[in-house]
Amino acid sequence: MRAETFLWNRFSLREAIYLGFCAAFIVITRVMLLLHLKIPGHAMFFTMFFLLLGRGSVPKTGAATMVGLIAGLLSALLGLGKEGPLVALKFLLPGVIVDLGEAVYPGLPSSYAACAIVGVIASVSRFVTFLAVELLIGMEKELILGHAVVSFILYVIFGGLGSLMVPPIIRRLKANQLIS
């Protein structure tokens, strides 16, 4: 199976538009949150919300991965973050974890508990990516580890809260027949 068949050709135009909007909203909220709130992990709230919303809107394998890939590429192209092209990994890995969560629990976007669990796990993956990138760019280990504990807790809290917003929205979209 060729890579272009695996990702690009499996979504209809309507589904691709849903996924593109979710990815664009991740980047837009990231730009809006460049206000330097001095709260680590606050961007995970919207990242997890839109990753899970994209997966709930398009019930196909690879939907969240595609949202993460597009958001990561947009962030890299716009120069958001100090990581350069590696910023794409900060969005891609949580998207892959959301898709794996859907493979394990098929009703993921409609379940509060499943969304919270996947949101926390995906947030941890983004935190691990954050640590790896900071180690790669040469930050001192003492500095990284000094704020790692607080950052880890806040990443988990924001990711979990953002994912808890998805089930009522997915239910409302289905009730109004906006998604299937």
C-alpha atoms as a PDB file:
ATOM      1  CA  MET A   1       0.000   0.000   0.000  1.00  0.00           C
ATOM      2  CA  ARG A   2       1.462   3.311  -1.077  1.00  0.00           C
ATOM      3  CA  ALA A   3       1.732   6.145   1.436  1.00  0.00           C
ATOM      4  CA  GLU A   4      -0.497   8.481  -0.582  1.00  0.00           C
ATOM      5  CA  THR A   5      -3.241   5.849  -0.672  1.00  0.00           C
ATOM      6  CA  PHE A   6      -2.848   5.284   3.062  1.00  0.00           C
ATOM      7  CA  LEU A   7      -3.369   8.899   4.098  1.00  0.00           C
ATOM      8  CA  TRP A   8      -4.503  11.262   1.377  1.00  0.00           C
ATOM      9  CA  ASN A   9      -7.020   9.270  -0.639  1.00  0.00           C
ATOM     10  CA  ARG A  10      -8.937   7.709   2.222  1.00  0.00           C
ATOM     11  CA  PHE A  11     -10.896  10.859   3.129  1.00  0.00           C
ATOM     12  CA  SER A  12     -13.713  12.483   1.166  1.00  0.00           C
ATOM     13  CA  LEU A  13     -13.615  16.210   0.467  1.00  0.00           C
ATOM     14  CA  ARG A  14     -16.078  16.892   3.301  1.00  0.00           C
ATOM     15  CA  GLU A  15     -13.981  14.862   5.756  1.00  0.00           C
ATOM     16  CA  ALA A  16     -10.779  16.543   4.601  1.00  0.00           C
ATOM     17  CA  ILE A  17     -12.374  19.943   5.205  1.00  0.00           C
ATOM     18  CA  TYR A  18     -13.373  18.902   8.756  1.00  0.00           C
ATOM     19  CA  LEU A  19      -9.834  17.714   9.456  1.00  0.00           C
ATOM     20  CA  GLY A  20      -8.295  20.823   7.924  1.00  0.00           C
ATOM     21  CA  PHE A  21     -10.489  23.083  10.045  1.00  0.00           C
ATOM     22  CA  CYS A  22      -9.527  21.206  13.216  1.00  0.00           C
ATOM     23  CA  ALA A  23      -5.836  21.499  12.345  1.00  0.00           C
ATOM     24  CA  ALA A  24      -6.180  25.182  11.509  1.00  0.00           C
ATOM     25  CA  PHE A  25      -7.982  25.843  14.792  1.00  0.00           C
ATOM     26  CA  ILE A  26      -5.153  24.153  16.702  1.00  0.00           C
ATOM     27  CA  VAL A  27      -2.661  26.516  15.069  1.00  0.00           C
ATOM     28  CA  ILE A  28      -4.927  29.568  15.484  1.00  0.00           C
ATOM     29  CA  THR A  29      -5.391  28.920  19.202  1.00  0.00           C
ATOM     30  CA  ARG A  30      -1.666  28.342  19.535  1.00  0.00           C
ATOM     31  CA  VAL A  31      -0.993  31.736  17.941  1.00  0.00           C
ATOM     32  CA  MET A  32      -3.605  33.376  20.175  1.00  0.00           C
ATOM     33  CA  LEU A  33      -1.993  31.806  23.232  1.00  0.00           C
ATOM     34  CA  LEU A  34       1.381  33.343  22.441  1.00  0.00           C
ATOM     35  CA  LEU A  35       0.428  35.854  25.096  1.00  0.00           C
ATOM     36  CA  HIS A  36       2.978  34.106  27.331  1.00  0.00           C
ATOM     37  CA  LEU A  37       0.612  33.181  30.103  1.00  0.00           C
ATOM     38  CA  LYS A  38       3.562  31.604  31.946  1.00  0.00           C
ATOM     39  CA  ILE A  39       1.483  28.448  32.457  1.00  0.00           C
ATOM     40  CA  PRO A  40       3.140  25.384  30.946  1.00  0.00           C
ATOM     41  CA  GLY A  41       0.870  23.083  28.990  1.00  0.00           C
ATOM     42  CA  HIS A  42      -2.040  25.484  28.521  1.00  0.00           C
ATOM     43  CA  ALA A  43      -2.004  24.890  24.759  1.00  0.00           C
ATOM     44  CA  MET A  44      -2.853  21.212  25.367  1.00  0.00           C
ATOM     45  CA  PHE A  45      -6.407  22.214  26.243  1.00  0.00           C
ATOM     46  CA  PHE A  46      -7.211  23.219  22.662  1.00  0.00           C
ATOM     47  CA  THR A  47      -4.853  20.732  21.056  1.00  0.00           C
ATOM     48  CA  MET A  48      -6.586  17.750  22.650  1.00  0.00           C
ATOM     49  CA  PHE A  49     -10.005  19.262  22.058  1.00  0.00           C
ATOM     50  CA  PHE A  50      -9.476  19.671  18.322  1.00  0.00           C
ATOM     51  CA  LEU A  51      -7.620  16.361  17.872  1.00  0.00           C
ATOM     52  CA  LEU A  52     -10.486  14.457  19.483  1.00  0.00           C
ATOM     53  CA  LEU A  53     -13.101  16.579  17.715  1.00  0.00           C
ATOM     54  CA  GLY A  54     -11.459  15.809  14.379  1.00  0.00           C
ATOM     55  CA  ARG A  55     -11.453  12.095  15.195  1.00  0.00           C
ATOM     56  CA  GLY A  56     -15.075  12.229  16.301  1.00  0.00           C
ATOM     57  CA  SER A  57     -16.145  14.182  13.212  1.00  0.00           C
ATOM     58  CA  VAL A  58     -14.382  11.830  10.818  1.00  0.00           C
ATOM     59  CA  PRO A  59     -14.734   8.261  12.093  1.00  0.00           C
ATOM     60  CA  LYS A  60     -11.885   6.811  10.047  1.00  0.00           C
ATOM     61  CA  THR A  61      -8.524   5.449  11.079  1.00  0.00           C
ATOM     62  CA  GLY A  62      -5.850   8.091  10.696  1.00  0.00           C
ATOM     63  CA  ALA A  63      -8.132  11.113  11.127  1.00  0.00           C
ATOM     64  CA  ALA A  64      -6.468  12.422  14.298  1.00  0.00           C
ATOM     65  CA  THR A  65      -3.042  11.603  12.885  1.00  0.00           C
ATOM     66  CA  MET A  66      -3.892  13.694   9.833  1.00  0.00           C
ATOM     67  CA  VAL A  67      -5.050  16.600  12.032  1.00  0.00           C
ATOM     68  CA  GLY A  68      -1.797  16.366  14.015  1.00  0.00           C
ATOM     69  CA  LEU A  69       0.298  16.159  10.854  1.00  0.00           C
ATOM     70  CA  ILE A  70      -1.361  19.175   9.243  1.00  0.00           C
ATOM     71  CA  ALA A  71      -1.216  21.232  12.468  1.00  0.00           C
ATOM     72  CA  GLY A  72       2.435  20.290  12.951  1.00  0.00           C
ATOM     73  CA  LEU A  73       3.370  21.209   9.396  1.00  0.00           C
ATOM     74  CA  LEU A  74       1.491  24.509   9.640  1.00  0.00           C
ATOM     75  CA  SER A  75       3.241  25.310  12.922  1.00  0.00           C
ATOM     76  CA  ALA A  76       6.623  24.482  11.431  1.00  0.00           C
ATOM     77  CA  LEU A  77       5.925  26.584   8.322  1.00  0.00           C
ATOM     78  CA  LEU A  78       4.791  29.543  10.434  1.00  0.00           C
ATOM     79  CA  GLY A  79       7.825  29.253  12.709  1.00  0.00           C
ATOM     80  CA  LEU A  80       5.852  28.693  15.900  1.00  0.00           C
ATOM     81  CA  GLY A  81       8.106  27.478  18.682  1.00  0.00           C
ATOM     82  CA  LYS A  82      11.830  27.315  19.189  1.00  0.00           C
ATOM     83  CA  GLU A  83      12.098  23.739  17.904  1.00  0.00           C
ATOM     84  CA  GLY A  84      12.030  24.509  14.186  1.00  0.00           C
ATOM     85  CA  PRO A  85      10.799  21.589  12.057  1.00  0.00           C
ATOM     86  CA  LEU A  86      10.704  19.326  15.125  1.00  0.00           C
ATOM     87  CA  VAL A  87       7.601  21.222  16.286  1.00  0.00           C
ATOM     88  CA  ALA A  88       5.618  18.925  13.957  1.00  0.00           C
ATOM     89  CA  LEU A  89       6.299  16.007  16.318  1.00  0.00           C
ATOM     90  CA  LYS A  90       4.535  17.840  19.154  1.00  0.00           C
ATOM     91  CA  PHE A  91       1.279  17.522  17.227  1.00  0.00           C
ATOM     92  CA  LEU A  92       1.819  14.286  15.340  1.00  0.00           C
ATOM     93  CA  LEU A  93       2.412  12.002  18.342  1.00  0.00           C
ATOM     94  CA  PRO A  94      -0.758  13.027  20.234  1.00  0.00           C
ATOM     95  CA  GLY A  95      -2.710  12.494  17.003  1.00  0.00           C
ATOM     96  CA  VAL A  96      -1.310   8.982  16.651  1.00  0.00           C
ATOM     97  CA  ILE A  97      -2.220   8.235  20.276  1.00  0.00           C
ATOM     98  CA  VAL A  98      -5.794   9.448  19.722  1.00  0.00           C
ATOM     99  CA  ASP A  99      -6.097   7.104  16.733  1.00  0.00           C
ATOM    100  CA  LEU A 100      -4.656   4.230  18.771  1.00  0.00           C
ATOM    101  CA  GLY A 101      -7.150   5.028  21.531  1.00  0.00           C
ATOM    102  CA  GLU A 102      -9.981   4.810  19.012  1.00  0.00           C
ATOM    103  CA  ALA A 103      -8.658   1.435  17.850  1.00  0.00           C
ATOM    104  CA  VAL A 104      -8.724   0.159  21.446  1.00  0.00           C
ATOM    105  CA  TYR A 105     -12.090   1.728  22.358  1.00  0.00           C
ATOM    106  CA  PRO A 106     -14.274   2.355  19.264  1.00  0.00           C
ATOM    107  CA  GLY A 107     -16.704   4.743  21.013  1.00  0.00           C
ATOM    108  CA  LEU A 108     -13.920   7.074  22.129  1.00  0.00           C
ATOM    109  CA  PRO A 109     -15.312  10.508  21.112  1.00  0.00           C
ATOM    110  CA  SER A 110     -18.640   9.848  22.845  1.00  0.00           C
ATOM    111  CA  SER A 111     -17.259   8.647  26.179  1.00  0.00           C
ATOM    112  CA  TYR A 112     -16.114  11.043  28.898  1.00  0.00           C
ATOM    113  CA  ALA A 113     -13.866   8.461  30.586  1.00  0.00           C
ATOM    114  CA  ALA A 114     -12.244   7.287  27.352  1.00  0.00           C
ATOM    115  CA  CYS A 115     -11.670  10.871  26.176  1.00  0.00           C
ATOM    116  CA  ALA A 116     -10.094  11.804  29.508  1.00  0.00           C
ATOM    117  CA  ILE A 117      -7.786   8.777  29.504  1.00  0.00           C
ATOM    118  CA  VAL A 118      -6.688   9.299  25.900  1.00  0.00           C
ATOM    119  CA  GLY A 119      -6.311  13.047  26.512  1.00  0.00           C
ATOM    120  CA  VAL A 120      -4.028  12.422  29.476  1.00  0.00           C
ATOM    121  CA  ILE A 121      -1.922   9.837  27.615  1.00  0.00           C
ATOM    122  CA  ALA A 122      -1.613  12.049  24.538  1.00  0.00           C
ATOM    123  CA  SER A 123      -0.653  14.995  26.751  1.00  0.00           C
ATOM    124  CA  VAL A 124       2.078  12.904  28.331  1.00  0.00           C
ATOM    125  CA  SER A 125       3.399  12.065  24.860  1.00  0.00           C
ATOM    126  CA  ARG A 126       3.513  15.752  24.004  1.00  0.00           C
ATOM    127  CA  PHE A 127       5.321  16.437  27.267  1.00  0.00           C
ATOM    128  CA  VAL A 128       7.877  13.729  26.458  1.00  0.00           C
ATOM    129  CA  THR A 129       8.344  15.274  23.013  1.00  0.00           C
ATOM    130  CA  PHE A 130       8.788  18.671  24.683  1.00  0.00           C
ATOM    131  CA  LEU A 131      11.524  17.253  26.934  1.00  0.00           C
ATOM    132  CA  ALA A 132      13.269  15.451  24.077  1.00  0.00           C
ATOM    133  CA  VAL A 133      13.313  18.566  21.903  1.00  0.00           C
ATOM    134  CA  GLU A 134      14.704  20.696  24.733  1.00  0.00           C
ATOM    135  CA  LEU A 135      17.431  18.118  25.328  1.00  0.00           C
ATOM    136  CA  LEU A 136      18.222  18.084  21.601  1.00  0.00           C
ATOM    137  CA  ILE A 137      18.579  21.860  21.399  1.00  0.00           C
ATOM    138  CA  GLY A 138      21.052  21.782  24.266  1.00  0.00           C
ATOM    139  CA  MET A 139      19.276  23.149  27.305  1.00  0.00           C
ATOM    140  CA  GLU A 140      20.828  22.286  30.630  1.00  0.00           C
ATOM    141  CA  LYS A 141      19.385  19.156  32.218  1.00  0.00           C
ATOM    142  CA  GLU A 142      19.006  20.780  35.629  1.00  0.00           C
ATOM    143  CA  LEU A 143      16.937  23.570  34.109  1.00  0.00           C
ATOM    144  CA  ILE A 144      14.724  21.118  32.207  1.00  0.00           C
ATOM    145  CA  LEU A 145      14.177  18.815  35.170  1.00  0.00           C
ATOM    146  CA  GLY A 146      13.549  21.760  37.489  1.00  0.00           C
ATOM    147  CA  HIS A 147      10.344  22.709  35.790  1.00  0.00           C
ATOM    148  CA  ALA A 148       9.477  19.218  34.468  1.00  0.00           C
ATOM    149  CA  VAL A 149       7.327  18.143  37.411  1.00  0.00           C
ATOM    150  CA  VAL A 150       5.077  21.208  37.369  1.00  0.00           C
ATOM    151  CA  SER A 151       4.899  21.144  33.583  1.00  0.00           C
ATOM    152  CA  PHE A 152       3.987  17.458  33.561  1.00  0.00           C
ATOM    153  CA  ILE A 153       1.087  17.989  35.973  1.00  0.00           C
ATOM    154  CA  LEU A 154      -0.224  20.989  34.037  1.00  0.00           C
ATOM    155  CA  TYR A 155       0.067  19.200  30.662  1.00  0.00           C
ATOM    156  CA  VAL A 156      -2.025  16.331  32.063  1.00  0.00           C
ATOM    157  CA  ILE A 157      -4.626  18.648  33.616  1.00  0.00           C
ATOM    158  CA  PHE A 158      -5.084  20.823  30.525  1.00  0.00           C
ATOM    159  CA  GLY A 159      -5.093  17.846  28.146  1.00  0.00           C
ATOM    160  CA  GLY A 160      -7.652  16.024  30.259  1.00  0.00           C
ATOM    161  CA  LEU A 161      -9.923  19.065  30.574  1.00  0.00           C
ATOM    162  CA  GLY A 162      -9.770  19.811  26.855  1.00  0.00           C
ATOM    163  CA  SER A 163     -10.674  16.239  25.995  1.00  0.00           C
ATOM    164  CA  LEU A 164     -13.674  16.280  28.342  1.00  0.00           C
ATOM    165  CA  MET A 165     -15.310  18.964  26.195  1.00  0.00           C
ATOM    166  CA  VAL A 166     -15.548  16.672  23.155  1.00  0.00           C
ATOM    167  CA  PRO A 167     -18.322  14.132  24.018  1.00  0.00           C
ATOM    168  CA  PRO A 168     -21.187  16.648  24.391  1.00  0.00           C
ATOM    169  CA  ILE A 169     -20.202  18.399  21.169  1.00  0.00           C
ATOM    170  CA  ILE A 170     -19.964  15.116  19.238  1.00  0.00           C
ATOM    171  CA  ARG A 171     -23.379  14.076  20.582  1.00  0.00           C
ATOM    172  CA  ARG A 172     -24.885  17.428  19.543  1.00  0.00           C
ATOM    173  CA  LEU A 173     -23.328  17.243  16.058  1.00  0.00           C
ATOM    174  CA  LYS A 174     -24.720  13.729  15.586  1.00  0.00           C
ATOM    175  CA  ALA A 175     -28.152  14.705  16.911  1.00  0.00           C
ATOM    176  CA  ASN A 176     -28.329  17.540  14.361  1.00  0.00           C
ATOM    177  CA  GLN A 177     -27.036  15.186  11.630  1.00  0.00           C
ATOM    178  CA  LEU A 178     -24.000  17.353  10.895  1.00  0.00           C
ATOM    179  CA  ILE A 179     -21.749  14.303  11.180  1.00  0.00           C
ATOM    180  CA  SER A 180     -22.524  10.615  10.869  1.00  0.00           C
END
